[in-house]
C-alpha atoms as a PDB file:
ATOM      1  CA  MET A   1      88.888  74.349 155.977  1.00  0.00           C
ATOM      2  CA  THR A   2      87.840  71.359 154.488  1.00  0.00           C
ATOM      3  CA  ASP A   3      86.009  73.086 151.709  1.00  0.00           C
ATOM      4  CA  ASN A   4      89.564  75.002 150.862  1.00  0.00           C
ATOM      5  CA  LEU A   5      91.284  71.627 150.418  1.00  0.00           C
ATOM      6  CA  ASP A   6      88.467  70.293 148.472  1.00  0.00           C
ATOM      7  CA  ASP A   7      88.633  73.139 146.243  1.00  0.00           C
ATOM      8  CA  LEU A   8      92.426  72.802 146.103  1.00  0.00           C
ATOM      9  CA  ALA A   9      92.109  69.212 145.221  1.00  0.00           C
ATOM     10  CA  LYS A  10      89.675  69.894 142.501  1.00  0.00           C
ATOM     11  CA  ARG A  11      92.013  72.545 140.882  1.00  0.00           C
ATOM     12  CA  LEU A  12      94.940  70.339 141.053  1.00  0.00           C
ATOM     13  CA  LYS A  13      92.938  67.241 139.545  1.00  0.00           C
ATOM     14  CA  THR A  14      91.991  69.648 136.598  1.00  0.00           C
ATOM     15  CA  LEU A  15      95.295  70.925 136.245  1.00  0.00           C
ATOM     16  CA  SER A  16      96.879  67.709 136.066  1.00  0.00           C
ATOM     17  CA  ASP A  17      94.005  66.260 133.760  1.00  0.00           C
ATOM     18  CA  ASN A  18      94.796  69.368 131.327  1.00  0.00           C
ATOM     19  CA  ALA A  19      98.339  68.511 131.583  1.00  0.00           C
ATOM     20  CA  LYS A  20      97.867  65.104 130.452  1.00  0.00           C
ATOM     21  CA  ALA A  21      95.752  66.354 127.600  1.00  0.00           C
ATOM     22  CA  ILE A  22      98.494  68.211 126.091  1.00  0.00           C
ATOM     23  CA  ASN A  23     101.374  65.993 126.953  1.00  0.00           C
ATOM     24  CA  GLY A  24     103.756  65.209 123.939  1.00  0.00           C
ATOM     25  CA  GLU A  25     103.531  66.835 120.677  1.00  0.00           C
ATOM     26  CA  ASN A  26     100.814  68.696 119.525  1.00  0.00           C
ATOM     27  CA  GLU A  27      99.813  70.045 116.091  1.00  0.00           C
ATOM     28  CA  VAL A  28      97.922  73.526 116.779  1.00  0.00           C
ATOM     29  CA  PRO A  29      96.049  75.335 113.875  1.00  0.00           C
ATOM     30  CA  PHE A  30      97.837  78.714 113.341  1.00  0.00           C
ATOM     31  CA  ASN A  31      94.553  80.636 113.995  1.00  0.00           C
ATOM     32  CA  GLU A  32      94.451  78.910 117.480  1.00  0.00           C
ATOM     33  CA  LEU A  33      97.942  79.170 118.345  1.00  0.00           C
ATOM     34  CA  PHE A  34      97.973  82.915 117.084  1.00  0.00           C
ATOM     35  CA  SER A  35      94.493  83.623 118.607  1.00  0.00           C
ATOM     36  CA  GLN A  36      92.983  87.110 118.135  1.00  0.00           C
ATOM     37  CA  SER A  37      93.850  88.169 121.423  1.00  0.00           C
ATOM     38  CA  PHE A  38      97.461  87.223 120.846  1.00  0.00           C
ATOM     39  CA  MET A  39      97.739  88.780 117.559  1.00  0.00           C
ATOM     40  CA  LEU A  40      96.017  92.128 118.859  1.00  0.00           C
ATOM     41  CA  GLN A  41      98.405  92.474 121.731  1.00  0.00           C
ATOM     42  CA  HIS A  42     101.571  91.847 119.853  1.00  0.00           C
ATOM     43  CA  THR A  43     100.894  93.937 116.988  1.00  0.00           C
ATOM     44  CA  ASN A  44      99.585  96.886 118.739  1.00  0.00           C
ATOM     45  CA  ASN A  45      96.064  96.370 117.525  1.00  0.00           C
ATOM     46  CA  SER A  46      97.135  96.124 113.876  1.00  0.00           C
ATOM     47  CA  TYR A  47      96.257  92.677 113.134  1.00  0.00           C
ATOM     48  CA  SER A  48      93.585  90.662 114.435  1.00  0.00           C
ATOM     49  CA  SER A  49      94.579  87.290 112.883  1.00  0.00           C
ATOM     50  CA  PHE A  50      97.609  85.541 111.653  1.00  0.00           C
ATOM     51  CA  ASP A  51      95.839  85.565 108.050  1.00  0.00           C
ATOM     52  CA  GLY A  52      95.873  89.118 108.084  1.00  0.00           C
ATOM     53  CA  PHE A  53      99.434  89.391 109.337  1.00  0.00           C
ATOM     54  CA  LEU A  54     100.566  87.146 106.873  1.00  0.00           C
ATOM     55  CA  LYS A  55      98.859  89.020 103.901  1.00  0.00           C
ATOM     56  CA  ALA A  56     100.199  92.359 105.118  1.00  0.00           C
ATOM     57  CA  SER A  57     103.649  90.913 104.934  1.00  0.00           C
ATOM     58  CA  GLY A  58     103.412  90.674 101.275  1.00  0.00           C
ATOM     59  CA  PHE A  59     104.249  86.923 101.109  1.00  0.00           C
ATOM     60  CA  ALA A  60     100.965  85.667 101.250  1.00  0.00           C
ATOM     61  CA  ASP A  61     101.129  84.649  97.455  1.00  0.00           C
ATOM     62  CA  ILE A  62     103.986  82.231  98.703  1.00  0.00           C
ATOM     63  CA  ALA A  63     103.950  78.739 100.513  1.00  0.00           C
ATOM     64  CA  PHE A  64     104.570  79.653 104.279  1.00  0.00           C
ATOM     65  CA  GLU A  65     107.597  77.177 104.170  1.00  0.00           C
ATOM     66  CA  LYS A  66     109.158  78.806 100.934  1.00  0.00           C
ATOM     67  CA  ILE A  67     109.366  82.297 102.913  1.00  0.00           C
ATOM     68  CA  PRO A  68     113.007  83.268 103.385  1.00  0.00           C
ATOM     69  CA  ASP A  69     113.627  83.060 107.177  1.00  0.00           C
ATOM     70  CA  ASP A  70     115.611  86.409 106.813  1.00  0.00           C
ATOM     71  CA  GLU A  71     112.763  88.240 105.430  1.00  0.00           C
ATOM     72  CA  TRP A  72     110.186  86.938 107.680  1.00  0.00           C
ATOM     73  CA  ASP A  73     112.119  87.612 110.590  1.00  0.00           C
ATOM     74  CA  LYS A  74     112.436  91.079 109.413  1.00  0.00           C
ATOM     75  CA  TRP A  75     108.719  91.594 108.966  1.00  0.00           C
ATOM     76  CA  VAL A  76     108.076  90.086 112.382  1.00  0.00           C
ATOM     77  CA  ALA A  77     110.255  92.659 113.904  1.00  0.00           C
ATOM     78  CA  ASN A  78     108.802  95.546 112.056  1.00  0.00           C
ATOM     79  CA  ALA A  79     104.981  94.611 112.652  1.00  0.00           C
ATOM     80  CA  SER A  80     105.092  93.018 116.077  1.00  0.00           C
ATOM     81  CA  ASN A  81     106.782  93.543 119.282  1.00  0.00           C
ATOM     82  CA  PHE A  82     108.951  90.154 118.821  1.00  0.00           C
ATOM     83  CA  GLY A  83     112.573  90.548 117.178  1.00  0.00           C
ATOM     84  CA  SER A  84     111.893  87.410 115.315  1.00  0.00           C
ATOM     85  CA  TRP A  85     109.737  84.546 114.181  1.00  0.00           C
ATOM     86  CA  ASP A  86     111.280  82.113 116.711  1.00  0.00           C
ATOM     87  CA  GLU A  87     110.440  84.803 119.644  1.00  0.00           C
ATOM     88  CA  MET A  88     106.690  85.066 118.231  1.00  0.00           C
ATOM     89  CA  LYS A  89     106.167  81.308 118.098  1.00  0.00           C
ATOM     90  CA  GLU A  90     107.658  80.700 121.619  1.00  0.00           C
ATOM     91  CA  SER A  91     105.556  83.414 122.866  1.00  0.00           C
ATOM     92  CA  ALA A  92     102.451  82.053 121.239  1.00  0.00           C
ATOM     93  CA  SER A  93     103.331  78.449 122.360  1.00  0.00           C
ATOM     94  CA  GLN A  94     103.533  79.515 126.009  1.00  0.00           C
ATOM     95  CA  ALA A  95     100.398  81.556 125.826  1.00  0.00           C
ATOM     96  CA  TRP A  96      98.518  78.671 124.404  1.00  0.00           C
ATOM     97  CA  ILE A  97     100.034  76.058 127.071  1.00  0.00           C
ATOM     98  CA  THR A  98      98.922  78.378 129.577  1.00  0.00           C
ATOM     99  CA  LYS A  99      95.579  78.351 128.439  1.00  0.00           C
ATOM    100  CA  LYS A 100      95.055  75.048 128.132  1.00  0.00           C
ATOM    101  CA  LEU A 101      96.423  74.315 131.617  1.00  0.00           C
ATOM    102  CA  GLY A 102      93.643  76.460 132.909  1.00  0.00           C
ATOM    103  CA  PHE A 103      95.446  79.577 133.936  1.00  0.00           C
END
């Protein structure tokens, strides 16, 4: 019984430490946020990196911030299982947080 409580206490401490480490605003590189496993899972194994996804979009020669939102949303909806760029970012953020917390 004590071992189980000790294990639980350790896990809770780790979770707390991990939560503190990511508390606040975080700048996460695209290749970390959109990991290989995330990209493969959400693009039907078509793209293993965000770079490949961007290059295939036809917008690779444009600064990312300059890509028209509606055109990028169309690409995301056609090339992934998300309906929009906001959905894709939200899902990637949730996956990143879950991983950083240790789940």
